[in-house]
């Protein structure tokens, strides 16, 4: 995609249901927009504090969120799913997985094959939130790469590349330093919107002077 195409930055994590919903909202806004709008995706690691030295997620780690928080989140997901008319699995049917490998794979594709990144990004979201697949499994990610015309060998290599992992981890830290504390977060021209906001909200973020629809 041409460098002069307008861009919106989106911080997200594949294991976040609101990021999936927010991506659907963004796509709806983009489809109704007269001019193309590219996504400048930035990875965000929601479960870094639960990842142990062995690289595995310890779900018993206290993250300060109680059962009431998760119940409210579930209700909000169901409300937005209906409001945006988005198809997704019941949250109880979605596997608890670590998204780090998916983000390693996605950032590699974004860097080396930017024209194919969006298809790969959508494939990862679909694999988890519609198909219930383990997007932390390198073989699942390799399959998704193959489905969108990418070389699965390169995806496996990116996941195993320690230098690449370090670069992606630094992106997580950079997001926090920029004040991103939750996802999805959309940023445009120095202004931000956090959460799975509706398409109209994204339009106001990108086109603040546009006439109301």
N, C-alpha and C. Protein backbone atom coordinates (compact mmCIF):
# COMPACT_ATOMS: atom_id res chain seq x y z
N UNK A 1 0.84 -1.19 0.00
CA UNK A 1 0.00 0.00 0.00
C UNK A 1 0.88 1.24 0.00
N UNK A 2 0.47 2.24 -0.75
CA UNK A 2 1.27 3.45 -0.88
C UNK A 2 1.50 4.13 0.46
N UNK A 3 2.70 4.73 0.59
CA UNK A 3 3.06 5.39 1.84
C UNK A 3 2.21 6.63 2.10
N UNK A 4 1.62 7.22 1.03
CA UNK A 4 0.84 8.44 1.23
C UNK A 4 -0.61 8.18 1.60
N UNK A 5 -0.98 6.90 1.77
CA UNK A 5 -2.33 6.56 2.21
C UNK A 5 -2.49 6.93 3.68
N UNK A 6 -3.64 7.50 4.02
CA UNK A 6 -3.92 7.87 5.40
C UNK A 6 -3.89 6.63 6.28
N UNK A 7 -3.42 6.80 7.54
CA UNK A 7 -3.25 5.65 8.42
C UNK A 7 -3.80 5.94 9.81
N UNK A 8 -4.38 4.92 10.42
CA UNK A 8 -4.80 4.97 11.81
C UNK A 8 -3.99 3.92 12.57
N UNK A 9 -3.47 4.29 13.72
CA UNK A 9 -2.71 3.35 14.53
C UNK A 9 -3.67 2.58 15.44
N UNK A 10 -3.49 1.27 15.51
CA UNK A 10 -4.32 0.44 16.38
C UNK A 10 -3.42 -0.45 17.22
N UNK A 11 -3.47 -0.28 18.53
CA UNK A 11 -2.79 -1.17 19.46
C UNK A 11 -3.77 -2.28 19.82
N UNK A 12 -3.33 -3.52 19.71
CA UNK A 12 -4.25 -4.61 20.03
C UNK A 12 -3.50 -5.89 20.39
N UNK A 13 -4.24 -6.82 20.99
CA UNK A 13 -3.73 -8.14 21.34
C UNK A 13 -4.77 -9.14 20.85
N UNK A 14 -4.32 -10.18 20.18
CA UNK A 14 -5.25 -11.13 19.57
C UNK A 14 -6.15 -11.84 20.57
N UNK A 15 -5.72 -11.97 21.83
CA UNK A 15 -6.54 -12.69 22.80
C UNK A 15 -7.59 -11.79 23.46
N UNK A 16 -7.66 -10.54 23.06
CA UNK A 16 -8.62 -9.60 23.63
C UNK A 16 -9.90 -9.58 22.79
N UNK A 17 -11.04 -9.98 23.36
CA UNK A 17 -12.28 -9.97 22.57
C UNK A 17 -12.67 -8.57 22.11
N UNK A 18 -12.33 -7.56 22.90
CA UNK A 18 -12.66 -6.20 22.50
C UNK A 18 -11.81 -5.74 21.32
N UNK A 19 -10.61 -6.31 21.18
CA UNK A 19 -9.79 -6.00 20.01
C UNK A 19 -10.41 -6.61 18.76
N UNK A 20 -10.94 -7.81 18.88
CA UNK A 20 -11.64 -8.43 17.75
C UNK A 20 -12.85 -7.59 17.36
N UNK A 21 -13.62 -7.18 18.35
CA UNK A 21 -14.80 -6.35 18.08
C UNK A 21 -14.39 -4.98 17.54
N UNK A 22 -13.34 -4.42 18.11
CA UNK A 22 -12.86 -3.12 17.64
C UNK A 22 -12.38 -3.17 16.21
N UNK A 23 -11.76 -4.29 15.84
CA UNK A 23 -11.31 -4.45 14.46
C UNK A 23 -12.51 -4.51 13.51
N UNK A 24 -13.57 -5.17 13.95
CA UNK A 24 -14.78 -5.23 13.13
C UNK A 24 -15.38 -3.84 12.95
N UNK A 25 -15.38 -3.06 14.04
CA UNK A 25 -15.89 -1.69 13.97
C UNK A 25 -15.04 -0.85 13.03
N UNK A 26 -13.72 -1.00 13.13
CA UNK A 26 -12.83 -0.24 12.26
C UNK A 26 -13.05 -0.62 10.80
N UNK A 27 -13.23 -1.89 10.52
CA UNK A 27 -13.46 -2.32 9.14
C UNK A 27 -14.76 -1.74 8.60
N UNK A 28 -15.77 -1.66 9.47
CA UNK A 28 -17.05 -1.08 9.04
C UNK A 28 -16.88 0.40 8.69
N UNK A 29 -16.13 1.11 9.53
CA UNK A 29 -15.87 2.52 9.24
C UNK A 29 -15.08 2.67 7.95
N UNK A 30 -14.06 1.84 7.78
CA UNK A 30 -13.22 1.93 6.58
C UNK A 30 -14.02 1.64 5.31
N UNK A 31 -14.95 0.70 5.38
CA UNK A 31 -15.73 0.35 4.19
C UNK A 31 -16.69 1.47 3.79
N UNK A 32 -17.10 2.29 4.77
CA UNK A 32 -18.02 3.39 4.48
C UNK A 32 -17.29 4.69 4.13
N UNK A 33 -15.99 4.70 4.31
CA UNK A 33 -15.18 5.89 4.10
C UNK A 33 -14.86 6.05 2.62
N UNK A 34 -14.83 7.26 2.14
CA UNK A 34 -14.56 7.50 0.74
C UNK A 34 -13.13 7.22 0.35
N UNK A 35 -12.19 7.54 1.22
CA UNK A 35 -10.77 7.37 0.94
C UNK A 35 -10.22 6.17 1.70
N UNK A 36 -9.19 5.52 1.17
CA UNK A 36 -8.60 4.37 1.89
C UNK A 36 -7.96 4.80 3.21
N UNK A 37 -8.01 3.91 4.16
CA UNK A 37 -7.41 4.13 5.48
C UNK A 37 -6.67 2.87 5.88
N UNK A 38 -5.36 2.98 5.94
CA UNK A 38 -4.54 1.82 6.30
C UNK A 38 -4.45 1.69 7.82
N UNK A 39 -4.13 0.48 8.27
CA UNK A 39 -3.97 0.21 9.70
C UNK A 39 -2.48 0.12 10.02
N UNK A 40 -2.03 0.99 10.90
CA UNK A 40 -0.68 0.92 11.43
C UNK A 40 -0.76 0.15 12.74
N UNK A 41 -0.67 -1.18 12.65
CA UNK A 41 -0.89 -2.05 13.82
C UNK A 41 0.32 -2.06 14.74
N UNK A 42 0.03 -1.98 16.04
CA UNK A 42 1.08 -2.09 17.05
C UNK A 42 0.69 -3.18 18.04
N UNK A 43 1.54 -4.15 18.28
CA UNK A 43 1.21 -5.24 19.21
C UNK A 43 1.22 -4.78 20.66
N UNK A 44 0.37 -5.40 21.45
CA UNK A 44 0.28 -5.10 22.89
C UNK A 44 0.11 -6.42 23.62
N UNK A 45 0.88 -6.62 24.67
CA UNK A 45 0.92 -7.93 25.35
C UNK A 45 0.14 -7.87 26.67
N UNK A 46 -1.10 -8.30 26.62
CA UNK A 46 -1.96 -8.23 27.81
C UNK A 46 -1.53 -9.18 28.91
N UNK A 47 -0.88 -10.27 28.57
CA UNK A 47 -0.61 -11.32 29.56
C UNK A 47 0.86 -11.42 29.94
N UNK A 48 1.61 -10.37 29.72
CA UNK A 48 3.04 -10.42 30.02
C UNK A 48 3.30 -10.68 31.50
N UNK A 49 2.43 -10.14 32.36
CA UNK A 49 2.65 -10.31 33.80
C UNK A 49 2.31 -11.72 34.27
N UNK A 50 1.69 -12.50 33.40
CA UNK A 50 1.34 -13.87 33.76
C UNK A 50 2.25 -14.91 33.10
N UNK A 51 3.20 -14.44 32.29
CA UNK A 51 4.08 -15.35 31.59
C UNK A 51 5.31 -15.64 32.44
N UNK A 52 5.50 -16.89 32.79
CA UNK A 52 6.60 -17.27 33.66
C UNK A 52 7.92 -17.37 32.91
N UNK A 53 9.00 -17.63 33.64
CA UNK A 53 10.33 -17.76 33.02
C UNK A 53 10.38 -18.88 31.97
N UNK A 54 9.49 -19.87 32.11
CA UNK A 54 9.47 -20.96 31.14
C UNK A 54 8.67 -20.61 29.89
N UNK A 55 8.12 -19.38 29.87
CA UNK A 55 7.35 -18.93 28.71
C UNK A 55 5.89 -19.30 28.75
N UNK A 56 5.47 -20.00 29.80
CA UNK A 56 4.08 -20.43 29.89
C UNK A 56 3.26 -19.44 30.71
N UNK A 57 1.96 -19.35 30.37
CA UNK A 57 1.06 -18.46 31.07
C UNK A 57 0.56 -19.13 32.34
N UNK A 58 0.68 -18.43 33.46
CA UNK A 58 0.17 -18.91 34.74
C UNK A 58 -1.11 -18.14 35.04
N UNK A 59 -2.24 -18.76 34.80
CA UNK A 59 -3.53 -18.08 34.96
C UNK A 59 -3.89 -17.84 36.42
N UNK A 60 -3.11 -18.42 37.35
CA UNK A 60 -3.40 -18.21 38.77
C UNK A 60 -2.80 -16.90 39.30
N UNK A 61 -1.96 -16.24 38.49
CA UNK A 61 -1.36 -14.98 38.91
C UNK A 61 -2.44 -13.92 39.09
N UNK A 62 -2.41 -13.23 40.21
CA UNK A 62 -3.40 -12.20 40.51
C UNK A 62 -3.15 -10.97 39.64
N UNK A 63 -4.12 -10.62 38.80
CA UNK A 63 -3.98 -9.44 37.95
C UNK A 63 -4.87 -8.29 38.43
N UNK A 64 -5.43 -8.45 39.64
CA UNK A 64 -6.25 -7.39 40.21
C UNK A 64 -7.67 -7.34 39.68
N UNK A 65 -8.04 -8.33 38.87
CA UNK A 65 -9.38 -8.35 38.28
C UNK A 65 -10.18 -9.49 38.89
N UNK A 66 -11.28 -9.13 39.54
CA UNK A 66 -12.08 -10.15 40.22
C UNK A 66 -13.17 -10.69 39.31
N UNK A 67 -13.96 -11.59 39.85
CA UNK A 67 -15.00 -12.25 39.07
C UNK A 67 -16.03 -11.25 38.56
N UNK A 68 -16.31 -10.22 39.34
CA UNK A 68 -17.28 -9.20 38.93
C UNK A 68 -16.77 -8.47 37.68
N UNK A 69 -15.46 -8.22 37.64
CA UNK A 69 -14.88 -7.54 36.47
C UNK A 69 -15.10 -8.39 35.22
N UNK A 70 -14.80 -9.67 35.31
CA UNK A 70 -14.92 -10.53 34.15
C UNK A 70 -16.38 -10.72 33.73
N UNK A 71 -17.29 -10.68 34.69
CA UNK A 71 -18.70 -10.79 34.35
C UNK A 71 -19.17 -9.55 33.59
N UNK A 72 -18.71 -8.38 34.04
CA UNK A 72 -19.06 -7.14 33.33
C UNK A 72 -18.46 -7.14 31.93
N UNK A 73 -17.23 -7.63 31.82
CA UNK A 73 -16.57 -7.70 30.52
C UNK A 73 -17.35 -8.62 29.59
N UNK A 74 -17.79 -9.75 30.12
CA UNK A 74 -18.56 -10.70 29.31
C UNK A 74 -19.85 -10.04 28.81
N UNK A 75 -20.53 -9.34 29.70
CA UNK A 75 -21.77 -8.66 29.31
C UNK A 75 -21.52 -7.62 28.23
N UNK A 76 -20.41 -6.90 28.35
CA UNK A 76 -20.08 -5.89 27.34
C UNK A 76 -19.74 -6.52 26.00
N UNK A 77 -19.03 -7.64 26.03
CA UNK A 77 -18.72 -8.34 24.79
C UNK A 77 -20.00 -8.77 24.10
N UNK A 78 -20.92 -9.35 24.85
CA UNK A 78 -22.17 -9.83 24.26
C UNK A 78 -23.00 -8.66 23.72
N UNK A 79 -22.98 -7.54 24.44
CA UNK A 79 -23.73 -6.36 23.99
C UNK A 79 -23.14 -5.81 22.68
N UNK A 80 -21.82 -5.69 22.62
CA UNK A 80 -21.18 -5.16 21.42
C UNK A 80 -21.28 -6.13 20.25
N UNK A 81 -21.22 -7.41 20.55
CA UNK A 81 -21.38 -8.41 19.51
C UNK A 81 -22.72 -8.24 18.80
N UNK A 82 -23.76 -8.01 19.60
CA UNK A 82 -25.10 -7.81 19.03
C UNK A 82 -25.19 -6.46 18.33
N UNK A 83 -24.63 -5.43 18.97
CA UNK A 83 -24.72 -4.07 18.42
C UNK A 83 -24.00 -3.97 17.08
N UNK A 84 -22.84 -4.61 16.96
CA UNK A 84 -22.05 -4.54 15.73
C UNK A 84 -22.38 -5.67 14.76
N UNK A 85 -23.27 -6.57 15.18
CA UNK A 85 -23.66 -7.71 14.36
C UNK A 85 -22.43 -8.52 13.94
N UNK A 86 -21.65 -8.92 14.96
CA UNK A 86 -20.40 -9.64 14.74
C UNK A 86 -20.56 -11.10 15.14
N UNK A 87 -20.11 -11.98 14.27
CA UNK A 87 -20.13 -13.41 14.59
C UNK A 87 -18.88 -13.77 15.37
N UNK A 88 -19.05 -14.44 16.51
CA UNK A 88 -17.92 -14.93 17.28
C UNK A 88 -18.39 -16.04 18.20
N UNK A 89 -17.48 -16.87 18.63
CA UNK A 89 -17.81 -17.98 19.51
C UNK A 89 -18.20 -17.47 20.88
N UNK A 90 -18.96 -18.29 21.60
CA UNK A 90 -19.21 -18.03 23.01
C UNK A 90 -17.87 -17.98 23.72
N UNK A 91 -17.71 -17.02 24.63
CA UNK A 91 -16.42 -16.86 25.30
C UNK A 91 -15.96 -18.12 26.01
N UNK A 92 -16.90 -18.92 26.50
CA UNK A 92 -16.53 -20.17 27.18
C UNK A 92 -15.91 -21.18 26.22
N UNK A 93 -16.12 -20.99 24.92
CA UNK A 93 -15.62 -21.93 23.93
C UNK A 93 -14.30 -21.48 23.31
N UNK A 94 -13.84 -20.31 23.72
CA UNK A 94 -12.59 -19.79 23.17
C UNK A 94 -11.44 -20.23 24.06
N UNK A 95 -10.42 -20.89 23.52
CA UNK A 95 -9.34 -21.40 24.35
C UNK A 95 -8.51 -20.28 24.99
N UNK A 96 -8.04 -20.53 26.21
CA UNK A 96 -7.14 -19.60 26.91
C UNK A 96 -5.73 -19.84 26.38
N UNK A 97 -5.27 -18.96 25.54
CA UNK A 97 -3.96 -19.17 24.90
C UNK A 97 -3.07 -17.95 25.10
N UNK A 98 -1.79 -18.15 24.82
CA UNK A 98 -0.82 -17.07 24.85
C UNK A 98 -0.69 -16.53 23.43
N UNK A 99 -0.81 -15.21 23.27
CA UNK A 99 -0.78 -14.61 21.94
C UNK A 99 0.62 -14.23 21.47
N UNK A 100 1.64 -14.45 22.29
CA UNK A 100 2.96 -13.96 21.94
C UNK A 100 3.44 -14.48 20.59
N UNK A 101 3.30 -15.78 20.34
CA UNK A 101 3.74 -16.32 19.05
C UNK A 101 2.98 -15.70 17.89
N UNK A 102 1.70 -15.46 18.09
CA UNK A 102 0.89 -14.84 17.03
C UNK A 102 1.39 -13.43 16.75
N UNK A 103 1.78 -12.71 17.80
CA UNK A 103 2.26 -11.35 17.60
C UNK A 103 3.66 -11.35 16.97
N UNK A 104 4.47 -12.33 17.32
CA UNK A 104 5.77 -12.47 16.67
C UNK A 104 5.59 -12.73 15.17
N UNK A 105 4.68 -13.63 14.85
CA UNK A 105 4.42 -13.95 13.44
C UNK A 105 3.85 -12.74 12.70
N UNK A 106 2.90 -12.07 13.32
CA UNK A 106 2.23 -10.95 12.67
C UNK A 106 3.18 -9.78 12.42
N UNK A 107 4.04 -9.47 13.40
CA UNK A 107 4.98 -8.37 13.20
C UNK A 107 5.98 -8.69 12.10
N UNK A 108 6.36 -9.96 11.98
CA UNK A 108 7.27 -10.36 10.92
C UNK A 108 6.62 -10.17 9.55
N UNK A 109 5.35 -10.56 9.44
CA UNK A 109 4.63 -10.38 8.18
C UNK A 109 4.45 -8.89 7.88
N UNK A 110 4.11 -8.13 8.89
CA UNK A 110 3.92 -6.69 8.71
C UNK A 110 5.20 -6.04 8.18
N UNK A 111 6.34 -6.50 8.67
CA UNK A 111 7.62 -5.93 8.27
C UNK A 111 8.06 -6.39 6.88
N UNK A 112 7.92 -7.68 6.61
CA UNK A 112 8.48 -8.25 5.38
C UNK A 112 7.48 -8.33 4.22
N UNK A 113 6.19 -8.48 4.56
CA UNK A 113 5.16 -8.62 3.53
C UNK A 113 3.95 -7.74 3.87
N UNK A 114 4.15 -6.41 3.90
CA UNK A 114 3.08 -5.51 4.35
C UNK A 114 1.78 -5.63 3.55
N UNK A 115 1.88 -5.97 2.27
CA UNK A 115 0.67 -6.08 1.45
C UNK A 115 -0.18 -7.29 1.87
N UNK A 116 0.43 -8.27 2.52
CA UNK A 116 -0.32 -9.46 2.93
C UNK A 116 -0.62 -9.47 4.43
N UNK A 117 -0.15 -8.42 5.13
CA UNK A 117 -0.33 -8.43 6.58
C UNK A 117 -1.80 -8.42 6.99
N UNK A 118 -2.61 -7.60 6.35
CA UNK A 118 -4.00 -7.48 6.80
C UNK A 118 -4.73 -8.82 6.69
N UNK A 119 -4.49 -9.55 5.62
CA UNK A 119 -5.13 -10.87 5.47
C UNK A 119 -4.66 -11.82 6.56
N UNK A 120 -3.38 -11.75 6.91
CA UNK A 120 -2.85 -12.62 7.97
C UNK A 120 -3.43 -12.22 9.32
N UNK A 121 -3.50 -10.93 9.58
CA UNK A 121 -4.08 -10.42 10.82
C UNK A 121 -5.53 -10.90 10.97
N UNK A 122 -6.30 -10.78 9.93
CA UNK A 122 -7.70 -11.24 9.97
C UNK A 122 -7.77 -12.75 10.18
N UNK A 123 -6.84 -13.47 9.56
CA UNK A 123 -6.84 -14.93 9.70
C UNK A 123 -6.57 -15.35 11.15
N UNK A 124 -5.69 -14.63 11.83
CA UNK A 124 -5.40 -14.94 13.24
C UNK A 124 -6.63 -14.69 14.10
N UNK A 125 -7.24 -13.52 13.92
CA UNK A 125 -8.44 -13.20 14.70
C UNK A 125 -9.53 -14.24 14.45
N UNK A 126 -9.74 -14.60 13.18
CA UNK A 126 -10.78 -15.57 12.83
C UNK A 126 -10.48 -16.94 13.44
N UNK A 127 -9.22 -17.32 13.40
CA UNK A 127 -8.84 -18.64 13.93
C UNK A 127 -9.22 -18.78 15.39
N UNK A 128 -8.98 -17.72 16.17
CA UNK A 128 -9.29 -17.79 17.60
C UNK A 128 -10.76 -17.56 17.88
N UNK A 129 -11.32 -16.45 17.38
CA UNK A 129 -12.64 -16.01 17.81
C UNK A 129 -13.80 -16.64 17.06
N UNK A 130 -13.54 -17.26 15.91
CA UNK A 130 -14.58 -17.98 15.20
C UNK A 130 -14.36 -19.48 15.23
N UNK A 131 -13.10 -19.89 15.05
CA UNK A 131 -12.81 -21.32 14.93
C UNK A 131 -12.31 -21.96 16.22
N UNK A 132 -11.95 -21.16 17.22
CA UNK A 132 -11.49 -21.70 18.49
C UNK A 132 -10.17 -22.43 18.40
N UNK A 133 -9.29 -21.99 17.52
CA UNK A 133 -7.98 -22.63 17.36
C UNK A 133 -6.94 -21.99 18.28
N UNK A 134 -5.91 -22.73 18.59
CA UNK A 134 -4.84 -22.25 19.47
C UNK A 134 -3.84 -21.44 18.65
N UNK A 135 -3.97 -20.12 18.69
CA UNK A 135 -3.09 -19.26 17.90
C UNK A 135 -1.71 -19.12 18.55
N UNK A 136 -1.49 -19.78 19.65
CA UNK A 136 -0.16 -19.83 20.24
C UNK A 136 0.67 -20.96 19.67
N UNK A 137 0.03 -21.85 18.93
CA UNK A 137 0.70 -23.01 18.34
C UNK A 137 1.38 -22.59 17.03
N UNK A 138 2.70 -22.72 16.94
CA UNK A 138 3.39 -22.34 15.70
C UNK A 138 2.86 -23.03 14.45
N UNK A 139 2.38 -24.27 14.61
CA UNK A 139 1.87 -24.98 13.44
C UNK A 139 0.54 -24.40 12.98
N UNK A 140 -0.28 -23.93 13.92
CA UNK A 140 -1.53 -23.26 13.53
C UNK A 140 -1.19 -21.98 12.77
N UNK A 141 -0.22 -21.22 13.27
CA UNK A 141 0.18 -19.98 12.61
C UNK A 141 0.79 -20.26 11.24
N UNK A 142 1.55 -21.34 11.13
CA UNK A 142 2.10 -21.72 9.83
C UNK A 142 1.00 -22.06 8.85
N UNK A 143 -0.04 -22.75 9.32
CA UNK A 143 -1.19 -23.08 8.47
C UNK A 143 -1.89 -21.80 8.00
N UNK A 144 -2.07 -20.86 8.92
CA UNK A 144 -2.73 -19.61 8.57
C UNK A 144 -1.91 -18.84 7.54
N UNK A 145 -0.60 -18.87 7.71
CA UNK A 145 0.28 -18.21 6.74
C UNK A 145 0.11 -18.83 5.35
N UNK A 146 0.08 -20.13 5.31
CA UNK A 146 -0.08 -20.84 4.04
C UNK A 146 -1.41 -20.46 3.39
N UNK A 147 -2.45 -20.34 4.19
CA UNK A 147 -3.78 -20.02 3.67
C UNK A 147 -3.84 -18.66 3.00
N UNK A 148 -2.99 -17.72 3.44
CA UNK A 148 -3.02 -16.38 2.85
C UNK A 148 -1.85 -16.16 1.89
N UNK A 149 -1.20 -17.24 1.50
CA UNK A 149 -0.17 -17.16 0.48
C UNK A 149 1.22 -16.84 0.96
N UNK A 150 1.48 -17.07 2.25
CA UNK A 150 2.81 -16.82 2.82
C UNK A 150 3.55 -18.14 3.02
N UNK A 151 4.85 -18.03 3.18
CA UNK A 151 5.68 -19.21 3.39
C UNK A 151 5.64 -19.61 4.86
N UNK A 152 5.06 -20.75 5.19
CA UNK A 152 4.98 -21.16 6.60
C UNK A 152 6.33 -21.34 7.26
N UNK A 153 7.35 -21.68 6.47
CA UNK A 153 8.69 -21.85 7.03
C UNK A 153 9.20 -20.54 7.61
N UNK A 154 8.91 -19.44 6.94
CA UNK A 154 9.35 -18.14 7.43
C UNK A 154 8.63 -17.77 8.72
N UNK A 155 7.40 -18.17 8.85
CA UNK A 155 6.64 -17.89 10.07
C UNK A 155 7.23 -18.66 11.25
N UNK A 156 7.54 -19.92 11.03
CA UNK A 156 8.16 -20.72 12.10
C UNK A 156 9.49 -20.09 12.52
N UNK A 157 10.26 -19.65 11.53
CA UNK A 157 11.58 -19.07 11.81
C UNK A 157 11.44 -17.78 12.61
N UNK A 158 10.45 -16.95 12.28
CA UNK A 158 10.24 -15.69 12.99
C UNK A 158 9.91 -15.94 14.45
N UNK A 159 9.12 -16.97 14.70
CA UNK A 159 8.72 -17.30 16.07
C UNK A 159 9.93 -17.75 16.90
N UNK A 160 10.87 -18.43 16.26
CA UNK A 160 12.05 -18.96 16.95
C UNK A 160 13.20 -17.97 17.01
N UNK A 161 13.09 -16.84 16.35
CA UNK A 161 14.18 -15.87 16.25
C UNK A 161 14.25 -15.02 17.52
N UNK A 162 15.30 -15.21 18.31
CA UNK A 162 15.43 -14.49 19.58
C UNK A 162 15.56 -12.98 19.38
N UNK A 163 16.27 -12.57 18.32
CA UNK A 163 16.44 -11.15 18.05
C UNK A 163 15.09 -10.51 17.70
N UNK A 164 14.30 -11.22 16.92
CA UNK A 164 12.97 -10.72 16.57
C UNK A 164 12.09 -10.62 17.81
N UNK A 165 12.16 -11.63 18.66
CA UNK A 165 11.39 -11.63 19.90
C UNK A 165 11.75 -10.41 20.76
N UNK A 166 13.03 -10.10 20.81
CA UNK A 166 13.47 -8.95 21.60
C UNK A 166 12.94 -7.64 21.01
N UNK A 167 12.92 -7.55 19.69
CA UNK A 167 12.39 -6.34 19.04
C UNK A 167 10.90 -6.18 19.33
N UNK A 168 10.17 -7.27 19.28
CA UNK A 168 8.73 -7.19 19.54
C UNK A 168 8.47 -6.85 20.99
N UNK A 169 9.22 -7.44 21.89
CA UNK A 169 9.08 -7.12 23.31
C UNK A 169 9.33 -5.64 23.56
N UNK A 170 10.27 -5.07 22.83
CA UNK A 170 10.54 -3.64 23.00
C UNK A 170 9.37 -2.81 22.51
N UNK A 171 8.62 -3.32 21.54
CA UNK A 171 7.42 -2.62 21.09
C UNK A 171 6.35 -2.61 22.18
N UNK A 172 6.26 -3.70 22.94
CA UNK A 172 5.32 -3.73 24.06
C UNK A 172 5.66 -2.63 25.06
N UNK A 173 6.94 -2.53 25.38
CA UNK A 173 7.40 -1.52 26.34
C UNK A 173 7.17 -0.11 25.80
N UNK A 174 7.41 0.07 24.50
CA UNK A 174 7.21 1.39 23.89
C UNK A 174 5.76 1.81 23.97
N UNK A 175 4.84 0.88 23.80
CA UNK A 175 3.42 1.20 23.89
C UNK A 175 3.06 1.70 25.28
N UNK A 176 3.57 1.03 26.29
CA UNK A 176 3.30 1.45 27.66
C UNK A 176 3.90 2.82 27.94
N UNK A 177 5.09 3.08 27.40
CA UNK A 177 5.72 4.37 27.60
C UNK A 177 4.94 5.49 26.92
N UNK A 178 4.20 5.14 25.88
CA UNK A 178 3.37 6.13 25.20
C UNK A 178 2.03 6.32 25.90
N UNK A 179 1.82 5.61 26.98
CA UNK A 179 0.59 5.79 27.75
C UNK A 179 -0.53 4.84 27.39
N UNK A 180 -0.23 3.83 26.59
CA UNK A 180 -1.24 2.84 26.24
C UNK A 180 -1.33 1.84 27.39
N UNK A 181 -2.47 1.80 28.04
CA UNK A 181 -2.65 0.92 29.19
C UNK A 181 -3.66 -0.18 28.95
N UNK A 182 -4.40 -0.08 27.87
CA UNK A 182 -5.40 -1.10 27.56
C UNK A 182 -5.66 -1.11 26.07
N UNK A 183 -6.26 -2.19 25.61
CA UNK A 183 -6.54 -2.33 24.17
C UNK A 183 -7.98 -2.79 23.95
N UNK A 184 -8.51 -2.46 22.74
CA UNK A 184 -7.83 -1.74 21.67
C UNK A 184 -7.71 -0.25 21.98
N UNK A 185 -6.65 0.34 21.47
CA UNK A 185 -6.48 1.80 21.50
C UNK A 185 -6.21 2.26 20.08
N UNK A 186 -7.01 3.21 19.63
CA UNK A 186 -6.87 3.77 18.29
C UNK A 186 -6.26 5.17 18.42
N UNK A 187 -5.28 5.46 17.59
CA UNK A 187 -4.60 6.76 17.65
C UNK A 187 -4.57 7.37 16.26
N UNK A 188 -4.94 8.65 16.19
CA UNK A 188 -4.89 9.36 14.91
C UNK A 188 -4.59 10.82 15.18
N UNK A 189 -3.54 11.32 14.55
CA UNK A 189 -3.18 12.74 14.62
C UNK A 189 -3.08 13.23 16.06
N UNK A 190 -2.47 12.41 16.92
CA UNK A 190 -2.24 12.82 18.29
C UNK A 190 -3.40 12.63 19.23
N UNK A 191 -4.53 12.15 18.72
CA UNK A 191 -5.71 11.90 19.55
C UNK A 191 -5.99 10.40 19.62
N UNK A 192 -6.59 9.97 20.71
CA UNK A 192 -6.78 8.53 20.92
C UNK A 192 -8.21 8.21 21.33
N UNK A 193 -8.61 7.00 21.00
CA UNK A 193 -9.89 6.44 21.45
C UNK A 193 -9.59 5.04 21.95
N UNK A 194 -10.04 4.74 23.16
CA UNK A 194 -9.76 3.44 23.75
C UNK A 194 -11.03 2.62 23.85
N UNK A 195 -10.92 1.36 23.52
CA UNK A 195 -12.04 0.44 23.62
C UNK A 195 -12.62 0.13 22.24
N UNK A 196 -13.54 -0.81 22.22
CA UNK A 196 -14.17 -1.23 20.97
C UNK A 196 -15.27 -0.22 20.62
N UNK A 197 -14.85 0.98 20.30
CA UNK A 197 -15.79 2.08 20.05
C UNK A 197 -16.50 1.86 18.72
N UNK A 198 -17.70 2.42 18.55
CA UNK A 198 -18.45 2.22 17.32
C UNK A 198 -17.83 2.95 16.13
N UNK A 199 -18.23 2.59 14.91
CA UNK A 199 -17.67 3.22 13.71
C UNK A 199 -17.82 4.74 13.70
N UNK A 200 -18.93 5.25 14.22
CA UNK A 200 -19.14 6.70 14.23
C UNK A 200 -18.08 7.40 15.08
N UNK A 201 -17.69 6.74 16.16
CA UNK A 201 -16.66 7.31 17.04
C UNK A 201 -15.32 7.36 16.31
N UNK A 202 -15.01 6.31 15.57
CA UNK A 202 -13.77 6.29 14.80
C UNK A 202 -13.80 7.36 13.71
N UNK A 203 -14.96 7.56 13.14
CA UNK A 203 -15.08 8.61 12.11
C UNK A 203 -14.80 9.98 12.72
N UNK A 204 -15.31 10.22 13.91
CA UNK A 204 -15.06 11.52 14.56
C UNK A 204 -13.58 11.67 14.92
N UNK A 205 -12.93 10.54 15.25
CA UNK A 205 -11.51 10.59 15.58
C UNK A 205 -10.69 10.98 14.35
N UNK A 206 -11.01 10.37 13.21
CA UNK A 206 -10.24 10.58 11.99
C UNK A 206 -10.70 11.82 11.22
N UNK A 207 -12.00 12.09 11.28
CA UNK A 207 -12.58 13.20 10.52
C UNK A 207 -13.32 14.14 11.47
N UNK A 208 -12.61 14.83 12.34
CA UNK A 208 -13.28 15.66 13.35
C UNK A 208 -14.11 16.79 12.77
N UNK A 209 -13.81 17.22 11.55
CA UNK A 209 -14.53 18.33 10.96
C UNK A 209 -15.63 17.88 9.99
N UNK A 210 -15.80 16.57 9.89
CA UNK A 210 -16.82 16.06 8.95
C UNK A 210 -18.22 16.32 9.49
N UNK A 211 -19.14 16.50 8.58
CA UNK A 211 -20.53 16.74 8.98
C UNK A 211 -21.13 15.46 9.55
N UNK A 212 -22.00 15.58 10.56
CA UNK A 212 -22.62 14.39 11.15
C UNK A 212 -23.42 13.62 10.11
N UNK A 213 -23.40 12.29 10.24
CA UNK A 213 -24.18 11.47 9.32
C UNK A 213 -25.58 11.23 9.84
